[in-house]
Amino acid sequence: MKVKIIDEAHEKDLETSVNEFLSELEKEIIDIKFQVAVSVDHEEQIYCFSAMIIYK
């Protein structure tokens, strides 16, 4: 098994990156995990959208 971690600042960018990776992947997908993290830096919210793709 292998994993691919993709991390983007915007959800649409993550969607594009995941779709590009999956379109080129010629392996069996086991699972995809999605996560959003939020932090605050001087009253500015910072988002981190990530996906972990597990495949064989």
PDB file of N, CA and C in Angstrom:
ATOM      1  N   MET A   1       0.835  -1.180   0.000  1.00  0.00           N
ATOM      2  CA  MET A   1       0.000   0.000   0.000  1.00  0.00           C
ATOM      3  C   MET A   1       0.878   1.242   0.000  1.00  0.00           C
ATOM      4  N   LYS A   2       0.338   2.293  -0.560  1.00  0.00           N
ATOM      5  CA  LYS A   2       1.009   3.592  -0.592  1.00  0.00           C
ATOM      6  C   LYS A   2       0.001   4.669  -0.233  1.00  0.00           C
ATOM      7  N   VAL A   3       0.533   5.845   0.118  1.00  0.00           N
ATOM      8  CA  VAL A   3      -0.332   6.994   0.398  1.00  0.00           C
ATOM      9  C   VAL A   3       0.168   8.210  -0.373  1.00  0.00           C
ATOM     10  N   LYS A   4      -0.756   9.085  -0.660  1.00  0.00           N
ATOM     11  CA  LYS A   4      -0.451  10.379  -1.279  1.00  0.00           C
ATOM     12  C   LYS A   4      -1.156  11.428  -0.430  1.00  0.00           C
ATOM     13  N   ILE A   5      -0.397  12.405   0.054  1.00  0.00           N
ATOM     14  CA  ILE A   5      -0.955  13.507   0.841  1.00  0.00           C
ATOM     15  C   ILE A   5      -0.984  14.746  -0.042  1.00  0.00           C
ATOM     16  N   ILE A   6      -2.144  15.388  -0.093  1.00  0.00           N
ATOM     17  CA  ILE A   6      -2.291  16.620  -0.871  1.00  0.00           C
ATOM     18  C   ILE A   6      -2.813  17.688   0.074  1.00  0.00           C
ATOM     19  N   ASP A   7      -2.194  18.864   0.047  1.00  0.00           N
ATOM     20  CA  ASP A   7      -2.515  19.950   0.966  1.00  0.00           C
ATOM     21  C   ASP A   7      -2.672  21.242   0.166  1.00  0.00           C
ATOM     22  N   GLU A   8      -3.775  21.934   0.386  1.00  0.00           N
ATOM     23  CA  GLU A   8      -4.035  23.190  -0.327  1.00  0.00           C
ATOM     24  C   GLU A   8      -4.652  24.208   0.630  1.00  0.00           C
ATOM     25  N   ALA A   9      -4.567  25.468   0.266  1.00  0.00           N
ATOM     26  CA  ALA A   9      -5.128  26.548   1.085  1.00  0.00           C
ATOM     27  C   ALA A   9      -6.614  26.790   0.803  1.00  0.00           C
ATOM     28  N   HIS A  10      -7.109  26.327  -0.343  1.00  0.00           N
ATOM     29  CA  HIS A  10      -8.513  26.521  -0.721  1.00  0.00           C
ATOM     30  C   HIS A  10      -9.119  25.187  -1.137  1.00  0.00           C
ATOM     31  N   GLU A  11     -10.391  24.982  -0.800  1.00  0.00           N
ATOM     32  CA  GLU A  11     -11.028  23.697  -1.092  1.00  0.00           C
ATOM     33  C   GLU A  11     -11.113  23.399  -2.587  1.00  0.00           C
ATOM     34  N   LYS A  12     -11.318  24.402  -3.411  1.00  0.00           N
ATOM     35  CA  LYS A  12     -11.369  24.183  -4.862  1.00  0.00           C
ATOM     36  C   LYS A  12     -10.008  23.740  -5.399  1.00  0.00           C
ATOM     37  N   ASP A  13      -8.919  24.283  -4.840  1.00  0.00           N
ATOM     38  CA  ASP A  13      -7.577  23.858  -5.235  1.00  0.00           C
ATOM     39  C   ASP A  13      -7.345  22.397  -4.846  1.00  0.00           C
ATOM     40  N   LEU A  14      -7.825  22.011  -3.662  1.00  0.00           N
ATOM     41  CA  LEU A  14      -7.696  20.615  -3.236  1.00  0.00           C
ATOM     42  C   LEU A  14      -8.491  19.709  -4.167  1.00  0.00           C
ATOM     43  N   GLU A  15      -9.684  20.114  -4.496  1.00  0.00           N
ATOM     44  CA  GLU A  15     -10.520  19.331  -5.407  1.00  0.00           C
ATOM     45  C   GLU A  15      -9.808  19.123  -6.746  1.00  0.00           C
ATOM     46  N   THR A  16      -9.246  20.174  -7.287  1.00  0.00           N
ATOM     47  CA  THR A  16      -8.526  20.086  -8.560  1.00  0.00           C
ATOM     48  C   THR A  16      -7.315  19.166  -8.440  1.00  0.00           C
ATOM     49  N   SER A  17      -6.530  19.324  -7.385  1.00  0.00           N
ATOM     50  CA  SER A  17      -5.336  18.504  -7.198  1.00  0.00           C
ATOM     51  C   SER A  17      -5.675  17.027  -7.026  1.00  0.00           C
ATOM     52  N   VAL A  18      -6.705  16.736  -6.242  1.00  0.00           N
ATOM     53  CA  VAL A  18      -7.121  15.336  -6.042  1.00  0.00           C
ATOM     54  C   VAL A  18      -7.623  14.750  -7.350  1.00  0.00           C
ATOM     55  N   ASN A  19      -8.439  15.485  -8.081  1.00  0.00           N
ATOM     56  CA  ASN A  19      -8.955  14.980  -9.356  1.00  0.00           C
ATOM     57  C   ASN A  19      -7.832  14.734 -10.367  1.00  0.00           C
ATOM     58  N   GLU A  20      -6.840  15.609 -10.401  1.00  0.00           N
ATOM     59  CA  GLU A  20      -5.698  15.406 -11.299  1.00  0.00           C
ATOM     60  C   GLU A  20      -4.919  14.149 -10.923  1.00  0.00           C
ATOM     61  N   PHE A  21      -4.670  13.971  -9.621  1.00  0.00           N
ATOM     62  CA  PHE A  21      -3.943  12.781  -9.175  1.00  0.00           C
ATOM     63  C   PHE A  21      -4.724  11.512  -9.506  1.00  0.00           C
ATOM     64  N   LEU A  22      -6.024  11.516  -9.224  1.00  0.00           N
ATOM     65  CA  LEU A  22      -6.840  10.325  -9.473  1.00  0.00           C
ATOM     66  C   LEU A  22      -6.959  10.005 -10.959  1.00  0.00           C
ATOM     67  N   SER A  23      -6.975  11.020 -11.801  1.00  0.00           N
ATOM     68  CA  SER A  23      -7.109  10.775 -13.242  1.00  0.00           C
ATOM     69  C   SER A  23      -5.866  10.097 -13.814  1.00  0.00           C
ATOM     70  N   GLU A  24      -4.711  10.282 -13.163  1.00  0.00           N
ATOM     71  CA  GLU A  24      -3.467   9.672 -13.627  1.00  0.00           C
ATOM     72  C   GLU A  24      -3.138   8.365 -12.897  1.00  0.00           C
ATOM     73  N   LEU A  25      -3.858   8.073 -11.821  1.00  0.00           N
ATOM     74  CA  LEU A  25      -3.578   6.906 -10.999  1.00  0.00           C
ATOM     75  C   LEU A  25      -4.132   5.652 -11.665  1.00  0.00           C
ATOM     76  N   GLU A  26      -3.287   4.668 -11.847  1.00  0.00           N
ATOM     77  CA  GLU A  26      -3.705   3.401 -12.448  1.00  0.00           C
ATOM     78  C   GLU A  26      -3.659   2.287 -11.416  1.00  0.00           C
ATOM     79  N   LYS A  27      -3.952   2.622 -10.177  1.00  0.00           N
ATOM     80  CA  LYS A  27      -3.917   1.680  -9.061  1.00  0.00           C
ATOM     81  C   LYS A  27      -5.296   1.603  -8.422  1.00  0.00           C
ATOM     82  N   GLU A  28      -5.473   0.623  -7.547  1.00  0.00           N
ATOM     83  CA  GLU A  28      -6.718   0.458  -6.811  1.00  0.00           C
ATOM     84  C   GLU A  28      -6.754   1.425  -5.638  1.00  0.00           C
ATOM     85  N   ILE A  29      -7.810   2.229  -5.538  1.00  0.00           N
ATOM     86  CA  ILE A  29      -7.977   3.170  -4.431  1.00  0.00           C
ATOM     87  C   ILE A  29      -8.602   2.418  -3.258  1.00  0.00           C
ATOM     88  N   ILE A  30      -7.952   2.489  -2.114  1.00  0.00           N
ATOM     89  CA  ILE A  30      -8.454   1.837  -0.907  1.00  0.00           C
ATOM     90  C   ILE A  30      -9.360   2.795  -0.132  1.00  0.00           C
ATOM     91  N   ASP A  31      -8.905   4.028   0.047  1.00  0.00           N
ATOM     92  CA  ASP A  31      -9.669   4.995   0.841  1.00  0.00           C
ATOM     93  C   ASP A  31      -9.151   6.401   0.567  1.00  0.00           C
ATOM     94  N   ILE A  32      -9.994   7.389   0.842  1.00  0.00           N
ATOM     95  CA  ILE A  32      -9.597   8.802   0.779  1.00  0.00           C
ATOM     96  C   ILE A  32     -10.083   9.458   2.063  1.00  0.00           C
ATOM     97  N   LYS A  33      -9.159  10.072   2.787  1.00  0.00           N
ATOM     98  CA  LYS A  33      -9.480  10.793   4.028  1.00  0.00           C
ATOM     99  C   LYS A  33      -9.370  12.290   3.749  1.00  0.00           C
ATOM    100  N   PHE A  34     -10.287  13.059   4.308  1.00  0.00           N
ATOM    101  CA  PHE A  34     -10.336  14.503   4.097  1.00  0.00           C
ATOM    102  C   PHE A  34     -10.271  15.198   5.450  1.00  0.00           C
ATOM    103  N   GLN A  35      -9.555  16.328   5.511  1.00  0.00           N
ATOM    104  CA  GLN A  35      -9.444  17.065   6.768  1.00  0.00           C
ATOM    105  C   GLN A  35      -9.352  18.558   6.506  1.00  0.00           C
ATOM    106  N   VAL A  36      -9.940  19.327   7.416  1.00  0.00           N
ATOM    107  CA  VAL A  36      -9.841  20.782   7.367  1.00  0.00           C
ATOM    108  C   VAL A  36      -9.292  21.254   8.704  1.00  0.00           C
ATOM    109  N   ALA A  37      -8.290  22.118   8.656  1.00  0.00           N
ATOM    110  CA  ALA A  37      -7.739  22.727   9.874  1.00  0.00           C
ATOM    111  C   ALA A  37      -7.887  24.235   9.754  1.00  0.00           C
ATOM    112  N   VAL A  38      -8.202  24.864  10.868  1.00  0.00           N
ATOM    113  CA  VAL A  38      -8.382  26.319  10.899  1.00  0.00           C
ATOM    114  C   VAL A  38      -7.554  26.878  12.053  1.00  0.00           C
ATOM    115  N   SER A  39      -6.863  27.972  11.770  1.00  0.00           N
ATOM    116  CA  SER A  39      -6.147  28.672  12.833  1.00  0.00           C
ATOM    117  C   SER A  39      -6.358  30.171  12.651  1.00  0.00           C
ATOM    118  N   VAL A  40      -6.051  30.913  13.691  1.00  0.00           N
ATOM    119  CA  VAL A  40      -6.221  32.367  13.644  1.00  0.00           C
ATOM    120  C   VAL A  40      -4.861  33.008  13.882  1.00  0.00           C
ATOM    121  N   ASP A  41      -4.519  33.938  12.993  1.00  0.00           N
ATOM    122  CA  ASP A  41      -3.262  34.669  13.103  1.00  0.00           C
ATOM    123  C   ASP A  41      -3.576  36.158  13.001  1.00  0.00           C
ATOM    124  N   HIS A  42      -3.509  36.848  14.117  1.00  0.00           N
ATOM    125  CA  HIS A  42      -3.817  38.285  14.171  1.00  0.00           C
ATOM    126  C   HIS A  42      -5.161  38.601  13.515  1.00  0.00           C
ATOM    127  N   GLU A  43      -6.194  37.939  13.984  1.00  0.00           N
ATOM    128  CA  GLU A  43      -7.573  38.131  13.528  1.00  0.00           C
ATOM    129  C   GLU A  43      -7.830  37.648  12.096  1.00  0.00           C
ATOM    130  N   GLU A  44      -6.875  36.984  11.479  1.00  0.00           N
ATOM    131  CA  GLU A  44      -7.069  36.416  10.136  1.00  0.00           C
ATOM    132  C   GLU A  44      -7.209  34.900  10.269  1.00  0.00           C
ATOM    133  N   GLN A  45      -8.256  34.333   9.674  1.00  0.00           N
ATOM    134  CA  GLN A  45      -8.437  32.889   9.698  1.00  0.00           C
ATOM    135  C   GLN A  45      -7.627  32.253   8.579  1.00  0.00           C
ATOM    136  N   ILE A  46      -6.907  31.204   8.917  1.00  0.00           N
ATOM    137  CA  ILE A  46      -6.104  30.479   7.938  1.00  0.00           C
ATOM    138  C   ILE A  46      -6.643  29.064   7.849  1.00  0.00           C
ATOM    139  N   TYR A  47      -6.984  28.642   6.637  1.00  0.00           N
ATOM    140  CA  TYR A  47      -7.534  27.316   6.412  1.00  0.00           C
ATOM    141  C   TYR A  47      -6.501  26.421   5.737  1.00  0.00           C
ATOM    142  N   CYS A  48      -6.554  25.155   6.067  1.00  0.00           N
ATOM    143  CA  CYS A  48      -5.711  24.155   5.443  1.00  0.00           C
ATOM    144  C   CYS A  48      -6.596  22.962   5.089  1.00  0.00           C
ATOM    145  N   PHE A  49      -6.759  22.702   3.808  1.00  0.00           N
ATOM    146  CA  PHE A  49      -7.569  21.579   3.329  1.00  0.00           C
ATOM    147  C   PHE A  49      -6.622  20.486   2.855  1.00  0.00           C
ATOM    148  N   SER A  50      -6.808  19.272   3.353  1.00  0.00           N
ATOM    149  CA  SER A  50      -5.910  18.198   2.962  1.00  0.00           C
ATOM    150  C   SER A  50      -6.664  16.896   2.723  1.00  0.00           C
ATOM    151  N   ALA A  51      -6.040  16.059   1.910  1.00  0.00           N
ATOM    152  CA  ALA A  51      -6.602  14.744   1.620  1.00  0.00           C
ATOM    153  C   ALA A  51      -5.464  13.734   1.634  1.00  0.00           C
ATOM    154  N   MET A  52      -5.758  12.553   2.158  1.00  0.00           N
ATOM    155  CA  MET A  52      -4.819  11.444   2.104  1.00  0.00           C
ATOM    156  C   MET A  52      -5.470  10.342   1.287  1.00  0.00           C
ATOM    157  N   ILE A  53      -4.823   9.975   0.212  1.00  0.00           N
ATOM    158  CA  ILE A  53      -5.330   8.945  -0.672  1.00  0.00           C
ATOM    159  C   ILE A  53      -4.507   7.674  -0.418  1.00  0.00           C
ATOM    160  N   ILE A  54      -5.195   6.604  -0.049  1.00  0.00           N
ATOM    161  CA  ILE A  54      -4.547   5.315   0.214  1.00  0.00           C
ATOM    162  C   ILE A  54      -4.850   4.418  -0.985  1.00  0.00           C
ATOM    163  N   TYR A  55      -3.803   3.857  -1.573  1.00  0.00           N
ATOM    164  CA  TYR A  55      -3.991   3.036  -2.778  1.00  0.00           C
ATOM    165  C   TYR A  55      -2.998   1.891  -2.825  1.00  0.00           C
ATOM    166  N   LYS A  56      -3.316   0.909  -3.669  1.00  0.00           N
ATOM    167  CA  LYS A  56      -2.420  -0.237  -3.889  1.00  0.00           C
ATOM    168  C   LYS A  56      -1.803  -0.126  -5.255  1.00  0.00           C
TER     169      LYS A  56
END
